[in-house]
């Protein structure tokens, strides 16, 4: 079983969008893939429980399915920082709690687990711990989603520096164009490729039609897929 943690340069940079496309890519190539959203904030009640739109998207695109509470075990209604939502709800969120939920996926039989984070890399989960503490404890390799917009160079390079300083293995990054009118897109992409040692896995161009990923060889190598 191969597992990857998908983080982003910020909130609203397309982590769910990219993770869903990766799940579809794996499903297309007959791989048993599961999406996992351990923490979500921003949900509505349906079927007698809180459900998050991003988690539902991962479930829809996956080729391996579980119950909602397995795919998104920690879910809060207000769209606020999860550690604040947890405190208001009187819910314990910790590295140990996340580990328990992660182990519960073992019985689902996935070849690949794509674990989507919340917000950016440094997301508090309680007063002393961050979501990256759990990622590091599980030794999950990281895929970084870069929201291609003005300011992405700073956000990306700072995130990469932190990953490196923490000894986290970043297996690659995906450029997601979230600003349709971004000036000098190609030049910014080239600047990032020049400055980042991790490989560019794919590019997601801005589109209002059918979403697509421009797949690079590094991604097929990572997933062991021959095109």
Protein backbone atom coordinates (compact mmCIF):
# COMPACT_ATOMS: atom_id res chain seq x y z
CA UNK A 1 0.00 0.00 0.00
CA UNK A 2 1.30 3.43 -1.00
CA UNK A 3 0.10 6.53 0.81
CA UNK A 4 0.64 10.21 0.09
CA UNK A 5 -0.34 13.35 1.98
CA UNK A 6 -1.60 16.18 -0.21
CA UNK A 7 -0.99 19.61 1.25
CA UNK A 8 -1.21 23.08 -0.24
CA UNK A 9 0.55 26.41 -0.29
CA UNK A 10 -2.54 27.95 1.34
CA UNK A 11 -6.22 27.31 1.84
CA UNK A 12 -8.40 27.38 -1.28
CA UNK A 13 -5.59 26.39 -3.67
CA UNK A 14 -7.33 23.30 -5.02
CA UNK A 15 -6.22 20.41 -2.82
CA UNK A 16 -9.56 18.64 -3.21
CA UNK A 17 -9.72 19.44 -6.91
CA UNK A 18 -6.27 17.97 -7.53
CA UNK A 19 -6.73 15.00 -5.17
CA UNK A 20 -10.00 14.13 -6.93
CA UNK A 21 -8.26 14.23 -10.32
CA UNK A 22 -5.48 12.00 -8.99
CA UNK A 23 -8.07 9.52 -7.70
CA UNK A 24 -9.76 9.49 -11.11
CA UNK A 25 -6.37 8.96 -12.77
CA UNK A 26 -5.66 5.96 -10.55
CA UNK A 27 -9.15 4.55 -11.09
CA UNK A 28 -8.75 4.92 -14.86
CA UNK A 29 -5.64 2.75 -14.65
CA UNK A 30 -7.41 0.09 -12.58
CA UNK A 31 -5.69 0.95 -9.30
CA UNK A 32 -7.56 0.54 -6.02
CA UNK A 33 -7.38 4.06 -4.58
CA UNK A 34 -8.95 5.62 -1.51
CA UNK A 35 -9.32 9.28 -0.56
CA UNK A 36 -9.04 10.23 3.11
CA UNK A 37 -9.93 13.62 4.61
CA UNK A 38 -9.09 13.26 8.31
CA UNK A 39 -10.25 16.75 9.31
CA UNK A 40 -12.83 19.00 7.65
CA UNK A 41 -14.39 22.26 8.80
CA UNK A 42 -17.39 23.53 6.90
CA UNK A 43 -20.22 21.03 6.69
CA UNK A 44 -23.97 20.60 6.44
CA UNK A 45 -26.24 17.96 7.89
CA UNK A 46 -27.38 15.20 5.55
CA UNK A 47 -28.45 11.61 6.16
CA UNK A 48 -28.44 12.34 9.89
CA UNK A 49 -24.81 13.42 10.06
CA UNK A 50 -22.49 16.30 9.18
CA UNK A 51 -20.96 15.96 5.72
CA UNK A 52 -18.28 18.02 4.04
CA UNK A 53 -18.37 18.77 0.32
CA UNK A 54 -14.65 18.08 -0.16
CA UNK A 55 -14.86 14.70 1.54
CA UNK A 56 -17.86 13.78 -0.62
CA UNK A 57 -15.85 14.66 -3.72
CA UNK A 58 -13.06 12.31 -2.64
CA UNK A 59 -15.58 9.53 -2.04
CA UNK A 60 -17.15 10.05 -5.46
CA UNK A 61 -13.81 9.87 -7.30
CA UNK A 62 -12.28 6.95 -5.38
CA UNK A 63 -12.26 3.36 -6.62
CA UNK A 64 -12.26 2.02 -3.05
CA UNK A 65 -15.15 3.04 -0.84
CA UNK A 66 -15.84 3.18 2.86
CA UNK A 67 -18.43 4.72 5.13
CA UNK A 68 -18.46 8.49 5.33
CA UNK A 69 -17.17 8.48 8.90
CA UNK A 70 -14.18 6.41 7.76
CA UNK A 71 -13.27 8.80 4.96
CA UNK A 72 -13.85 11.95 7.03
CA UNK A 73 -13.82 10.98 10.71
CA UNK A 74 -13.51 14.51 12.13
CA UNK A 75 -16.01 16.99 10.72
CA UNK A 76 -17.17 20.38 12.02
CA UNK A 77 -20.04 22.55 10.81
CA UNK A 78 -18.50 26.05 10.91
CA UNK A 79 -15.91 26.84 8.19
CA UNK A 80 -13.28 27.99 10.69
CA UNK A 81 -9.86 26.82 11.86
CA UNK A 82 -10.36 23.18 12.95
CA UNK A 83 -8.66 23.58 16.34
CA UNK A 84 -11.06 26.42 17.18
CA UNK A 85 -14.04 24.41 15.94
CA UNK A 86 -12.90 21.40 17.99
CA UNK A 87 -12.58 23.47 21.14
CA UNK A 88 -16.07 24.91 20.68
CA UNK A 89 -17.51 21.45 20.06
CA UNK A 90 -15.65 19.84 22.96
CA UNK A 91 -14.00 17.35 20.60
CA UNK A 92 -10.48 16.01 21.10
CA UNK A 93 -8.25 16.17 18.04
CA UNK A 94 -4.70 14.92 18.46
CA UNK A 95 -1.99 12.94 16.72
CA UNK A 96 -3.13 9.86 18.63
CA UNK A 97 -6.77 10.30 17.58
CA UNK A 98 -5.79 10.76 13.94
CA UNK A 99 -3.61 7.65 14.10
CA UNK A 100 -6.55 5.59 15.33
CA UNK A 101 -8.74 6.77 12.46
CA UNK A 102 -5.97 6.14 9.95
CA UNK A 103 -5.49 2.56 11.14
CA UNK A 104 -9.22 1.95 10.63
CA UNK A 105 -8.66 2.24 6.87
CA UNK A 106 -6.59 -0.93 6.77
CA UNK A 107 -9.59 -3.19 6.24
CA UNK A 108 -10.71 -1.37 3.06
CA UNK A 109 -8.01 -2.94 0.91
CA UNK A 110 -6.72 0.09 -1.00
CA UNK A 111 -3.47 -0.01 -2.97
CA UNK A 112 -3.18 3.77 -2.70
CA UNK A 113 -4.28 6.22 -0.04
CA UNK A 114 -4.44 9.89 -0.95
CA UNK A 115 -4.75 11.84 2.29
CA UNK A 116 -5.93 15.41 1.89
CA UNK A 117 -4.94 17.95 4.50
CA UNK A 118 -6.80 21.07 5.56
CA UNK A 119 -5.57 24.59 4.91
CA UNK A 120 -1.82 24.84 4.42
CA UNK A 121 1.03 22.85 5.94
CA UNK A 122 1.10 24.47 9.40
CA UNK A 123 -2.45 23.69 10.53
CA UNK A 124 -3.00 23.63 14.33
CA UNK A 125 -5.12 20.70 15.54
CA UNK A 126 -5.02 21.64 19.23
CA UNK A 127 -3.11 24.00 21.51
CA UNK A 128 0.24 22.25 21.05
CA UNK A 129 0.09 20.01 17.97
CA UNK A 130 -0.11 20.56 14.23
CA UNK A 131 -1.47 18.35 11.49
CA UNK A 132 2.10 17.98 10.23
CA UNK A 133 3.02 16.30 13.53
CA UNK A 134 0.71 13.46 12.53
CA UNK A 135 2.02 13.39 8.93
CA UNK A 136 5.59 13.15 10.24
CA UNK A 137 4.62 10.45 12.78
CA UNK A 138 3.02 8.37 10.00
CA UNK A 139 6.03 9.03 7.74
CA UNK A 140 3.77 10.03 4.86
CA UNK A 141 5.48 11.40 1.76
CA UNK A 142 4.03 14.74 0.69
CA UNK A 143 2.64 16.07 -2.58
CA UNK A 144 2.39 19.87 -2.59
CA UNK A 145 -0.42 21.59 -4.48
CA UNK A 146 0.72 25.04 -5.59
CA UNK A 147 -2.07 27.53 -6.14
CA UNK A 148 -0.76 29.40 -9.18
CA UNK A 149 -1.54 33.05 -8.55
CA UNK A 150 0.32 36.21 -7.67
CA UNK A 151 2.32 35.46 -4.52
CA UNK A 152 2.70 31.73 -5.18
CA UNK A 153 6.49 31.93 -5.42
CA UNK A 154 6.79 33.11 -1.82
CA UNK A 155 4.19 30.67 -0.47
CA UNK A 156 5.71 27.73 -2.32
CA UNK A 157 9.35 28.36 -1.47
CA UNK A 158 8.57 28.98 2.21
CA UNK A 159 6.55 25.76 2.40
CA UNK A 160 9.30 23.80 0.70
CA UNK A 161 11.90 25.21 3.11
CA UNK A 162 9.83 24.09 6.10
CA UNK A 163 9.31 20.60 4.66
CA UNK A 164 13.04 20.28 4.12
CA UNK A 165 13.90 21.56 7.60
CA UNK A 166 11.50 19.00 9.14
CA UNK A 167 12.98 16.13 7.18
CA UNK A 168 9.70 15.53 5.32
CA UNK A 169 9.97 13.76 1.98
CA UNK A 170 8.28 15.86 -0.70
CA UNK A 171 7.88 13.54 -3.68
CA UNK A 172 6.70 16.30 -5.98
CA UNK A 173 4.40 19.24 -6.60
CA UNK A 174 1.43 20.02 -8.79
CA UNK A 175 0.80 23.45 -10.29
CA UNK A 176 -2.89 24.33 -10.14
CA UNK A 177 -3.85 27.53 -11.96
CA UNK A 178 -6.50 29.08 -9.73
CA UNK A 179 -6.27 32.55 -11.28
CA UNK A 180 -7.58 32.47 -14.84
CA UNK A 181 -5.89 35.79 -15.63
CA UNK A 182 -2.57 35.12 -13.89
CA UNK A 183 0.12 37.19 -15.59
CA UNK A 184 3.22 35.34 -16.79
CA UNK A 185 1.97 31.88 -15.85
CA UNK A 186 4.66 30.05 -17.82
CA UNK A 187 7.44 32.24 -16.44
CA UNK A 188 6.27 31.71 -12.86
CA UNK A 189 6.09 27.96 -13.47
CA UNK A 190 9.62 28.00 -14.85
CA UNK A 191 10.82 30.00 -11.83
CA UNK A 192 9.42 27.39 -9.46
CA UNK A 193 10.90 24.50 -11.42
CA UNK A 194 14.29 26.22 -11.28
CA UNK A 195 14.14 26.68 -7.51
CA UNK A 196 12.48 23.44 -6.35
CA UNK A 197 14.41 20.19 -6.25
CA UNK A 198 11.25 18.05 -6.06
CA UNK A 199 9.84 17.12 -9.47
CA UNK A 200 6.82 18.73 -11.10
CA UNK A 201 4.23 15.93 -11.20
CA UNK A 202 1.44 17.61 -13.15
CA UNK A 203 -0.12 20.91 -14.19
CA UNK A 204 -3.82 21.66 -13.80
CA UNK A 205 -4.67 24.50 -16.20
CA UNK A 206 -7.54 26.82 -15.34
CA UNK A 207 -10.74 25.58 -16.96
CA UNK A 208 -14.47 26.02 -16.60
CA UNK A 209 -15.07 22.86 -18.62
CA UNK A 210 -13.96 19.28 -17.98
CA UNK A 211 -11.08 19.32 -15.44
CA UNK A 212 -7.82 17.80 -16.65
CA UNK A 213 -4.29 17.19 -15.45
CA UNK A 214 -1.28 17.53 -17.71
CA UNK A 215 0.57 14.47 -16.44
CA UNK A 216 4.36 14.49 -16.21
CA UNK A 217 6.49 11.35 -16.23
CA UNK A 218 7.37 11.87 -12.57
CA UNK A 219 3.74 11.21 -11.61
CA UNK A 220 3.43 7.99 -13.58
CA UNK A 221 6.72 6.82 -12.07
CA UNK A 222 5.46 7.68 -8.59
CA UNK A 223 2.30 5.63 -9.09
CA UNK A 224 4.01 2.86 -11.09
CA UNK A 225 1.82 3.41 -14.14
CA UNK A 226 2.94 2.93 -17.75
CA UNK A 227 1.21 5.17 -20.25
